[in-house]
Each structure stands twice: as structure tokens, then as C-alpha cells.
């Protein structure tokens, strides 16, 4: 019986093994960024404190924090930076999009990070999570469509049986 629930959990679970942050971590990162003079909206400055703040935001349980992190990282992506910083920014942006539920965009971003560094283990792991999530969502969608067809077919069969 427990294996049945394990299988069910694997289908309906989110498979998200990424770390989570809480408001305390985010507030500490915000204080650190403020102390270094990095404005929350000044994402073009890719200081270490800004990257730590962006990391904390995209790993938050709060959708509003994730969106703030995405906005910071998108702004940071437009600035000229080293390939390592760009790789990190793309990866964190992919994490944010994954947490926001935009799996297609997350996959595109993680692919861009892997173009820069094909052996980037975190990005490889994230890509697998994204692809698993897309596949599970597809299976659930097919299952729901099949159930809807079954309900309609049984309704038609019941209507035909009543007329006879």
C-alpha cells in the first residue's frame, strides 16, 4: 500500500529539490545589500550582495519575492558581465521561472546557462527537474482530458439508454 502512495506522490509531487529561503534570510540579504549601497532596484550592479539577495528571493516560498528576484535578475542580465556571472544569472533566473511555474521559459534559460558551461551541475539538475515537471504536467493533462471524454461518453450512453 505504501508503494502505491509513493507512486502517487511521485506523479503529483512537484519534484522540487531546490532549497527554500524564508523572510529572515531575505531580510539579512537586503540589509547586506543596503549596507553596500546596492539599491534593490539597481540590478545592473552585479555585486555579490545583489546576487545573494536575488538567490534568496528566487528561492522564497512567497510568489511576490520570487517575482522581485526575477525582475532583479532580468535587469542584471542586460548589463555586460563575465560569462561566469551571466551563467549564474541565467541559472537563478531559470530557478525563479521554475518557482513561478513558467517551465518553458525556465528550460530555455537553463539551456542558455548550459551553453556557457555544459558541466554546470546545478543547471543540469534543474533542467531534469523542469523536464520532469513538464512531462508530469503533460501526463496529468492527458489524464484529465481522458476523464472528461469518459464522462461525456457515459453521459451520452446514459441518455441513449433512457430513450430506449
N, C-alpha and C. Protein backbone atom coordinates (compact mmCIF):
# COMPACT_ATOMS: atom_id res chain seq x y z
N UNK A 1 0.82 -1.20 0.00
CA UNK A 1 0.00 0.00 0.00
C UNK A 1 0.86 1.26 0.00
N UNK A 2 1.97 1.23 0.74
CA UNK A 2 2.81 2.43 0.78
C UNK A 2 3.47 2.69 -0.56
N UNK A 3 3.75 1.64 -1.33
CA UNK A 3 4.35 1.87 -2.65
C UNK A 3 3.36 2.57 -3.58
N UNK A 4 2.06 2.28 -3.40
CA UNK A 4 1.04 2.97 -4.18
C UNK A 4 1.07 4.46 -3.90
N UNK A 5 1.16 4.82 -2.61
CA UNK A 5 1.19 6.23 -2.24
C UNK A 5 2.49 6.89 -2.68
N UNK A 6 3.60 6.13 -2.67
CA UNK A 6 4.87 6.67 -3.17
C UNK A 6 4.77 7.00 -4.65
N UNK A 7 4.14 6.09 -5.42
CA UNK A 7 3.98 6.34 -6.85
C UNK A 7 3.06 7.52 -7.10
N UNK A 8 1.97 7.58 -6.33
CA UNK A 8 1.04 8.70 -6.46
C UNK A 8 1.73 10.01 -6.11
N UNK A 9 2.54 9.99 -5.07
CA UNK A 9 3.28 11.18 -4.66
C UNK A 9 4.27 11.59 -5.74
N UNK A 10 4.89 10.61 -6.39
CA UNK A 10 5.86 10.96 -7.43
C UNK A 10 5.18 11.58 -8.64
N UNK A 11 3.93 11.20 -8.89
CA UNK A 11 3.21 11.79 -10.02
C UNK A 11 2.72 13.18 -9.68
N UNK A 12 2.12 13.35 -8.50
CA UNK A 12 1.52 14.62 -8.15
C UNK A 12 2.44 15.52 -7.34
N UNK A 13 3.54 14.99 -6.83
CA UNK A 13 4.51 15.83 -6.12
C UNK A 13 5.20 16.74 -7.09
N UNK A 14 5.78 17.81 -6.58
CA UNK A 14 6.39 18.77 -7.50
C UNK A 14 7.82 18.42 -7.86
N UNK A 15 8.46 17.46 -7.17
CA UNK A 15 9.81 17.04 -7.52
C UNK A 15 10.83 18.15 -7.35
N UNK A 16 10.50 19.15 -6.59
CA UNK A 16 11.35 20.32 -6.40
C UNK A 16 12.32 20.05 -5.25
N UNK A 17 13.58 19.83 -5.59
CA UNK A 17 14.59 19.60 -4.56
C UNK A 17 15.46 20.83 -4.34
N UNK A 18 15.05 21.95 -4.90
CA UNK A 18 15.79 23.19 -4.72
C UNK A 18 15.63 23.68 -3.29
N UNK A 19 16.62 24.38 -2.77
CA UNK A 19 16.48 24.91 -1.41
C UNK A 19 15.44 26.02 -1.34
N UNK A 20 14.91 26.22 -0.15
CA UNK A 20 13.94 27.28 0.10
C UNK A 20 14.55 28.29 1.07
N UNK A 21 14.11 29.54 0.96
CA UNK A 21 14.54 30.55 1.93
C UNK A 21 13.31 31.10 2.63
N UNK A 22 13.56 31.75 3.74
CA UNK A 22 12.47 32.38 4.46
C UNK A 22 12.71 33.88 4.54
N UNK A 23 11.80 34.58 5.17
CA UNK A 23 11.88 36.04 5.22
C UNK A 23 13.11 36.52 5.98
N UNK A 24 13.57 35.77 6.97
CA UNK A 24 14.76 36.18 7.72
C UNK A 24 15.99 36.23 6.81
N UNK A 25 16.15 35.22 5.99
CA UNK A 25 17.30 35.18 5.07
C UNK A 25 17.21 36.34 4.09
N UNK A 26 16.02 36.58 3.57
CA UNK A 26 15.84 37.67 2.60
C UNK A 26 16.13 39.01 3.26
N UNK A 27 15.63 39.21 4.47
CA UNK A 27 15.88 40.48 5.16
C UNK A 27 17.37 40.67 5.44
N UNK A 28 18.07 39.62 5.81
CA UNK A 28 19.52 39.72 6.02
C UNK A 28 20.23 40.11 4.73
N UNK A 29 19.82 39.51 3.62
CA UNK A 29 20.43 39.85 2.32
C UNK A 29 20.11 41.28 1.92
N UNK A 30 18.89 41.73 2.21
CA UNK A 30 18.51 43.12 1.90
C UNK A 30 19.35 44.10 2.72
N UNK A 31 19.56 43.79 4.00
CA UNK A 31 20.38 44.65 4.85
C UNK A 31 21.82 44.69 4.35
N UNK A 32 22.34 43.54 3.95
CA UNK A 32 23.71 43.48 3.43
C UNK A 32 23.84 44.30 2.15
N UNK A 33 22.86 44.17 1.25
CA UNK A 33 22.89 44.94 0.01
C UNK A 33 22.77 46.43 0.29
N UNK A 34 21.91 46.81 1.22
CA UNK A 34 21.75 48.22 1.57
C UNK A 34 23.03 48.78 2.20
N UNK A 35 23.69 47.97 3.01
CA UNK A 35 24.93 48.41 3.65
C UNK A 35 26.04 48.64 2.62
N UNK A 36 26.00 47.91 1.53
CA UNK A 36 26.99 48.08 0.48
C UNK A 36 26.55 49.09 -0.57
N UNK A 37 25.38 49.67 -0.36
CA UNK A 37 24.93 50.71 -1.28
C UNK A 37 24.32 50.19 -2.55
N UNK A 38 23.91 48.93 -2.56
CA UNK A 38 23.27 48.35 -3.74
C UNK A 38 21.78 48.49 -3.54
N UNK A 39 21.16 49.33 -4.35
CA UNK A 39 19.72 49.51 -4.25
C UNK A 39 19.00 48.28 -4.75
N UNK A 40 17.87 47.97 -4.16
CA UNK A 40 17.09 46.80 -4.55
C UNK A 40 16.72 46.89 -6.03
N UNK A 41 16.48 48.09 -6.52
CA UNK A 41 16.09 48.23 -7.92
C UNK A 41 17.29 48.39 -8.85
N UNK A 42 18.48 48.50 -8.29
CA UNK A 42 19.67 48.69 -9.12
C UNK A 42 20.29 47.34 -9.47
N UNK A 43 19.55 46.55 -10.24
CA UNK A 43 20.00 45.21 -10.54
C UNK A 43 21.18 45.19 -11.51
N UNK A 44 21.47 46.30 -12.17
CA UNK A 44 22.58 46.31 -13.11
C UNK A 44 23.91 46.19 -12.39
N UNK A 45 23.97 46.53 -11.14
CA UNK A 45 25.18 46.37 -10.34
C UNK A 45 25.21 44.93 -9.84
N UNK A 46 26.09 44.12 -10.44
CA UNK A 46 26.11 42.71 -10.11
C UNK A 46 27.06 42.41 -8.96
N UNK A 47 26.92 43.10 -7.88
CA UNK A 47 27.76 42.83 -6.72
C UNK A 47 27.36 41.50 -6.11
N UNK A 48 28.24 40.99 -5.29
CA UNK A 48 27.97 39.73 -4.62
C UNK A 48 26.74 39.81 -3.73
N UNK A 49 26.56 40.94 -3.06
CA UNK A 49 25.40 41.07 -2.18
C UNK A 49 24.10 41.07 -2.99
N UNK A 50 24.11 41.66 -4.18
CA UNK A 50 22.92 41.66 -5.02
C UNK A 50 22.61 40.24 -5.49
N UNK A 51 23.65 39.49 -5.84
CA UNK A 51 23.43 38.12 -6.29
C UNK A 51 22.92 37.25 -5.14
N UNK A 52 23.41 37.48 -3.93
CA UNK A 52 22.90 36.73 -2.78
C UNK A 52 21.43 37.07 -2.53
N UNK A 53 21.09 38.35 -2.66
CA UNK A 53 19.70 38.76 -2.49
C UNK A 53 18.82 38.13 -3.57
N UNK A 54 19.27 38.16 -4.81
CA UNK A 54 18.50 37.55 -5.90
C UNK A 54 18.32 36.06 -5.65
N UNK A 55 19.40 35.40 -5.19
CA UNK A 55 19.32 33.97 -4.88
C UNK A 55 18.26 33.72 -3.81
N UNK A 56 18.29 34.51 -2.75
CA UNK A 56 17.32 34.35 -1.66
C UNK A 56 15.89 34.59 -2.16
N UNK A 57 15.70 35.59 -3.00
CA UNK A 57 14.36 35.91 -3.49
C UNK A 57 13.78 34.80 -4.36
N UNK A 58 14.57 34.27 -5.31
CA UNK A 58 14.02 33.24 -6.20
C UNK A 58 13.84 31.91 -5.50
N UNK A 59 14.45 31.74 -4.34
CA UNK A 59 14.27 30.50 -3.56
C UNK A 59 13.23 30.67 -2.45
N UNK A 60 12.47 31.74 -2.49
CA UNK A 60 11.47 32.04 -1.46
C UNK A 60 10.19 31.24 -1.68
N UNK A 61 9.46 31.05 -0.60
CA UNK A 61 8.12 30.45 -0.67
C UNK A 61 7.09 31.46 -1.16
N UNK A 62 7.41 32.74 -1.08
CA UNK A 62 6.47 33.80 -1.40
C UNK A 62 6.55 34.18 -2.89
N UNK A 63 5.45 34.04 -3.64
CA UNK A 63 5.47 34.40 -5.06
C UNK A 63 5.93 35.84 -5.33
N UNK A 64 5.57 36.76 -4.46
CA UNK A 64 5.98 38.15 -4.66
C UNK A 64 7.49 38.29 -4.57
N UNK A 65 8.12 37.57 -3.65
CA UNK A 65 9.58 37.58 -3.55
C UNK A 65 10.22 37.01 -4.80
N UNK A 66 9.66 35.90 -5.28
CA UNK A 66 10.19 35.26 -6.50
C UNK A 66 10.11 36.24 -7.66
N UNK A 67 9.01 36.96 -7.79
CA UNK A 67 8.86 37.93 -8.88
C UNK A 67 9.86 39.07 -8.74
N UNK A 68 10.11 39.53 -7.51
CA UNK A 68 11.14 40.56 -7.29
C UNK A 68 12.50 40.06 -7.74
N UNK A 69 12.81 38.82 -7.38
CA UNK A 69 14.09 38.24 -7.78
C UNK A 69 14.21 38.13 -9.29
N UNK A 70 13.15 37.72 -9.94
CA UNK A 70 13.15 37.62 -11.41
C UNK A 70 13.40 38.99 -12.02
N UNK A 71 12.72 40.01 -11.52
CA UNK A 71 12.90 41.37 -12.05
C UNK A 71 14.35 41.83 -11.88
N UNK A 72 14.92 41.58 -10.72
CA UNK A 72 16.32 41.98 -10.47
C UNK A 72 17.26 41.27 -11.44
N UNK A 73 17.04 39.98 -11.62
CA UNK A 73 17.93 39.19 -12.48
C UNK A 73 17.77 39.55 -13.94
N UNK A 74 16.55 39.84 -14.38
CA UNK A 74 16.34 40.26 -15.77
C UNK A 74 17.07 41.57 -16.05
N UNK A 75 17.02 42.48 -15.08
CA UNK A 75 17.73 43.75 -15.25
C UNK A 75 19.24 43.51 -15.24
N UNK A 76 19.70 42.61 -14.40
CA UNK A 76 21.13 42.31 -14.33
C UNK A 76 21.63 41.64 -15.59
N UNK A 77 20.77 40.91 -16.25
CA UNK A 77 21.16 40.18 -17.46
C UNK A 77 21.50 41.12 -18.60
N UNK A 78 20.94 42.33 -18.59
CA UNK A 78 21.20 43.27 -19.67
C UNK A 78 22.57 43.93 -19.57
N UNK A 79 23.17 43.88 -18.38
CA UNK A 79 24.48 44.52 -18.23
C UNK A 79 25.58 43.60 -18.75
N UNK A 80 26.68 44.22 -19.14
CA UNK A 80 27.83 43.43 -19.59
C UNK A 80 28.49 42.82 -18.37
N UNK A 81 28.75 41.53 -18.45
CA UNK A 81 29.38 40.85 -17.34
C UNK A 81 30.16 39.65 -17.86
N UNK A 82 30.93 39.07 -16.97
CA UNK A 82 31.71 37.90 -17.34
C UNK A 82 30.77 36.73 -17.66
N UNK A 83 31.31 35.75 -18.35
CA UNK A 83 30.48 34.60 -18.70
C UNK A 83 30.05 33.84 -17.46
N UNK A 84 30.88 33.83 -16.42
CA UNK A 84 30.50 33.15 -15.19
C UNK A 84 29.32 33.86 -14.52
N UNK A 85 29.34 35.19 -14.47
CA UNK A 85 28.23 35.94 -13.88
C UNK A 85 26.96 35.75 -14.72
N UNK A 86 27.12 35.74 -16.04
CA UNK A 86 25.97 35.55 -16.90
C UNK A 86 25.38 34.15 -16.69
N UNK A 87 26.24 33.17 -16.56
CA UNK A 87 25.80 31.79 -16.31
C UNK A 87 25.01 31.73 -15.00
N UNK A 88 25.55 32.34 -13.96
CA UNK A 88 24.87 32.35 -12.65
C UNK A 88 23.54 33.08 -12.72
N UNK A 89 23.52 34.21 -13.42
CA UNK A 89 22.29 34.99 -13.55
C UNK A 89 21.23 34.20 -14.32
N UNK A 90 21.64 33.56 -15.42
CA UNK A 90 20.70 32.75 -16.19
C UNK A 90 20.15 31.60 -15.35
N UNK A 91 21.03 30.96 -14.59
CA UNK A 91 20.59 29.85 -13.74
C UNK A 91 19.58 30.33 -12.70
N UNK A 92 19.90 31.41 -12.00
CA UNK A 92 18.98 31.92 -10.98
C UNK A 92 17.66 32.37 -11.60
N UNK A 93 17.73 32.95 -12.77
CA UNK A 93 16.51 33.34 -13.47
C UNK A 93 15.69 32.11 -13.84
N UNK A 94 16.35 31.04 -14.24
CA UNK A 94 15.66 29.78 -14.53
C UNK A 94 15.00 29.21 -13.27
N UNK A 95 15.68 29.32 -12.14
CA UNK A 95 15.10 28.87 -10.86
C UNK A 95 13.84 29.69 -10.57
N UNK A 96 13.94 31.01 -10.74
CA UNK A 96 12.79 31.87 -10.49
C UNK A 96 11.61 31.52 -11.39
N UNK A 97 11.88 31.30 -12.66
CA UNK A 97 10.80 30.94 -13.58
C UNK A 97 10.21 29.58 -13.23
N UNK A 98 11.06 28.65 -12.79
CA UNK A 98 10.58 27.34 -12.35
C UNK A 98 9.65 27.50 -11.17
N UNK A 99 10.08 28.29 -10.18
CA UNK A 99 9.25 28.51 -8.99
C UNK A 99 7.97 29.27 -9.34
N UNK A 100 8.02 30.11 -10.36
CA UNK A 100 6.84 30.87 -10.79
C UNK A 100 5.91 30.02 -11.66
N UNK A 101 6.36 28.84 -12.06
CA UNK A 101 5.52 27.95 -12.85
C UNK A 101 5.66 28.11 -14.35
N UNK A 102 6.60 28.93 -14.81
CA UNK A 102 6.82 29.10 -16.25
C UNK A 102 7.94 28.14 -16.67
N UNK A 103 7.56 26.87 -16.85
CA UNK A 103 8.54 25.82 -17.08
C UNK A 103 9.21 25.93 -18.44
N UNK A 104 8.48 26.36 -19.44
CA UNK A 104 9.08 26.51 -20.77
C UNK A 104 10.18 27.58 -20.75
N UNK A 105 9.90 28.69 -20.11
CA UNK A 105 10.92 29.76 -20.02
C UNK A 105 12.09 29.31 -19.17
N UNK A 106 11.80 28.58 -18.11
CA UNK A 106 12.86 28.06 -17.25
C UNK A 106 13.79 27.14 -18.06
N UNK A 107 13.20 26.30 -18.89
CA UNK A 107 14.02 25.38 -19.70
C UNK A 107 14.89 26.16 -20.69
N UNK A 108 14.34 27.19 -21.31
CA UNK A 108 15.14 28.00 -22.25
C UNK A 108 16.31 28.67 -21.53
N UNK A 109 16.06 29.21 -20.35
CA UNK A 109 17.12 29.89 -19.59
C UNK A 109 18.20 28.91 -19.12
N UNK A 110 17.78 27.75 -18.64
CA UNK A 110 18.77 26.78 -18.17
C UNK A 110 19.58 26.26 -19.36
N UNK A 111 18.96 26.13 -20.52
CA UNK A 111 19.71 25.74 -21.72
C UNK A 111 20.77 26.79 -22.08
N UNK A 112 20.41 28.07 -21.92
CA UNK A 112 21.39 29.14 -22.19
C UNK A 112 22.55 29.07 -21.20
N UNK A 113 22.26 28.78 -19.94
CA UNK A 113 23.32 28.64 -18.94
C UNK A 113 24.22 27.46 -19.29
N UNK A 114 23.62 26.38 -19.77
CA UNK A 114 24.40 25.19 -20.13
C UNK A 114 25.22 25.40 -21.40
N UNK A 115 24.79 26.32 -22.26
CA UNK A 115 25.61 26.66 -23.43
C UNK A 115 26.92 27.30 -22.98
N UNK A 116 26.86 28.10 -21.93
CA UNK A 116 28.05 28.76 -21.40
C UNK A 116 28.93 27.76 -20.67
N UNK A 117 28.31 26.89 -19.88
CA UNK A 117 29.06 25.91 -19.09
C UNK A 117 28.31 24.58 -19.10
N UNK A 118 28.61 23.71 -20.06
CA UNK A 118 27.89 22.44 -20.18
C UNK A 118 28.00 21.52 -18.96
N UNK A 119 29.03 21.71 -18.16
CA UNK A 119 29.22 20.86 -16.99
C UNK A 119 28.69 21.50 -15.70
N UNK A 120 27.87 22.50 -15.80
CA UNK A 120 27.30 23.22 -14.65
C UNK A 120 26.26 22.30 -14.00
N UNK A 121 26.68 21.62 -12.95
CA UNK A 121 25.87 20.55 -12.34
C UNK A 121 24.51 21.04 -11.85
N UNK A 122 24.46 22.18 -11.21
CA UNK A 122 23.17 22.69 -10.73
C UNK A 122 22.20 22.92 -11.89
N UNK A 123 22.72 23.43 -12.99
CA UNK A 123 21.86 23.68 -14.15
C UNK A 123 21.39 22.36 -14.77
N UNK A 124 22.27 21.37 -14.80
CA UNK A 124 21.88 20.05 -15.31
C UNK A 124 20.76 19.48 -14.45
N UNK A 125 20.91 19.57 -13.13
CA UNK A 125 19.87 19.08 -12.21
C UNK A 125 18.56 19.85 -12.39
N UNK A 126 18.65 21.17 -12.53
CA UNK A 126 17.44 21.97 -12.73
C UNK A 126 16.76 21.60 -14.05
N UNK A 127 17.54 21.38 -15.09
CA UNK A 127 16.96 21.01 -16.38
C UNK A 127 16.17 19.71 -16.25
N UNK A 128 16.70 18.75 -15.50
CA UNK A 128 15.99 17.50 -15.29
C UNK A 128 14.69 17.73 -14.53
N UNK A 129 14.74 18.58 -13.51
CA UNK A 129 13.51 18.90 -12.75
C UNK A 129 12.47 19.55 -13.65
N UNK A 130 12.92 20.48 -14.49
CA UNK A 130 12.00 21.18 -15.39
C UNK A 130 11.37 20.20 -16.36
N UNK A 131 12.20 19.35 -16.96
CA UNK A 131 11.68 18.39 -17.94
C UNK A 131 10.74 17.39 -17.28
N UNK A 132 11.07 16.96 -16.06
CA UNK A 132 10.17 16.05 -15.33
C UNK A 132 8.84 16.73 -15.05
N UNK A 133 8.89 18.00 -14.66
CA UNK A 133 7.67 18.74 -14.36
C UNK A 133 6.81 18.92 -15.62
N UNK A 134 7.45 19.22 -16.73
CA UNK A 134 6.72 19.37 -18.00
C UNK A 134 6.08 18.04 -18.39
N UNK A 135 6.81 16.94 -18.22
CA UNK A 135 6.27 15.62 -18.55
C UNK A 135 5.11 15.26 -17.63
N UNK A 136 5.25 15.52 -16.33
CA UNK A 136 4.17 15.21 -15.38
C UNK A 136 2.94 16.05 -15.68
N UNK A 137 3.14 17.32 -15.97
CA UNK A 137 2.00 18.18 -16.31
C UNK A 137 1.30 17.66 -17.56
N UNK A 138 2.09 17.17 -18.51
CA UNK A 138 1.51 16.59 -19.73
C UNK A 138 0.70 15.35 -19.43
N UNK A 139 1.23 14.49 -18.54
CA UNK A 139 0.51 13.27 -18.17
C UNK A 139 -0.79 13.61 -17.45
N UNK A 140 -0.72 14.57 -16.57
CA UNK A 140 -1.92 14.98 -15.83
C UNK A 140 -2.95 15.57 -16.80
N UNK A 141 -2.48 16.37 -17.75
CA UNK A 141 -3.38 16.95 -18.75
C UNK A 141 -4.05 15.88 -19.60
N UNK A 142 -3.28 14.88 -20.02
CA UNK A 142 -3.84 13.79 -20.81
C UNK A 142 -4.85 13.02 -19.96
N UNK A 143 -4.53 12.78 -18.70
CA UNK A 143 -5.44 12.07 -17.81
C UNK A 143 -6.74 12.82 -17.61
N UNK A 144 -6.64 14.14 -17.42
CA UNK A 144 -7.85 14.95 -17.26
C UNK A 144 -8.69 14.95 -18.53
N UNK A 145 -8.02 15.03 -19.68
CA UNK A 145 -8.75 15.00 -20.95
C UNK A 145 -9.45 13.65 -21.13
N UNK A 146 -8.76 12.57 -20.79
CA UNK A 146 -9.37 11.24 -20.91
C UNK A 146 -10.56 11.11 -19.97
N UNK A 147 -10.42 11.64 -18.76
CA UNK A 147 -11.54 11.59 -17.80
C UNK A 147 -12.72 12.39 -18.33
N UNK A 148 -12.47 13.55 -18.92
CA UNK A 148 -13.55 14.37 -19.47
C UNK A 148 -14.25 13.64 -20.61
N UNK A 149 -13.47 12.99 -21.47
CA UNK A 149 -14.07 12.23 -22.57
C UNK A 149 -14.90 11.09 -22.01
N UNK A 150 -14.41 10.43 -20.97
CA UNK A 150 -15.15 9.33 -20.35
C UNK A 150 -16.46 9.79 -19.75
N UNK A 151 -16.45 10.95 -19.10
CA UNK A 151 -17.67 11.49 -18.51
C UNK A 151 -18.69 11.84 -19.59
N UNK A 152 -18.23 12.47 -20.66
CA UNK A 152 -19.13 12.82 -21.77
C UNK A 152 -19.69 11.55 -22.41
N UNK A 153 -18.83 10.56 -22.63
CA UNK A 153 -19.29 9.31 -23.26
C UNK A 153 -20.30 8.59 -22.37
N UNK A 154 -20.05 8.57 -21.05
CA UNK A 154 -21.01 7.90 -20.16
C UNK A 154 -22.32 8.68 -20.11
N UNK A 155 -22.27 9.98 -20.20
CA UNK A 155 -23.49 10.79 -20.24
C UNK A 155 -24.29 10.51 -21.49
N UNK A 156 -23.61 10.38 -22.62
CA UNK A 156 -24.30 10.06 -23.88
C UNK A 156 -24.90 8.67 -23.80
N UNK A 157 -24.12 7.72 -23.25
CA UNK A 157 -24.63 6.35 -23.13
C UNK A 157 -25.85 6.30 -22.22
N UNK A 158 -25.83 7.07 -21.15
CA UNK A 158 -26.97 7.09 -20.23
C UNK A 158 -28.19 7.71 -20.91
N UNK A 159 -27.96 8.74 -21.70
CA UNK A 159 -29.08 9.38 -22.41
C UNK A 159 -29.68 8.43 -23.43
N UNK A 160 -28.84 7.70 -24.14
CA UNK A 160 -29.32 6.74 -25.14
C UNK A 160 -30.09 5.62 -24.44
N UNK A 161 -29.58 5.18 -23.30
CA UNK A 161 -30.24 4.08 -22.57
C UNK A 161 -31.61 4.53 -22.07
N UNK A 162 -31.76 5.76 -21.65
CA UNK A 162 -33.06 6.26 -21.18
C UNK A 162 -34.09 6.35 -22.30
N UNK A 163 -33.64 6.67 -23.50
CA UNK A 163 -34.56 6.79 -24.63
C UNK A 163 -35.09 5.41 -25.05
N UNK A 164 -34.38 4.35 -24.77
CA UNK A 164 -34.83 3.01 -25.15
C UNK A 164 -35.74 2.49 -24.17
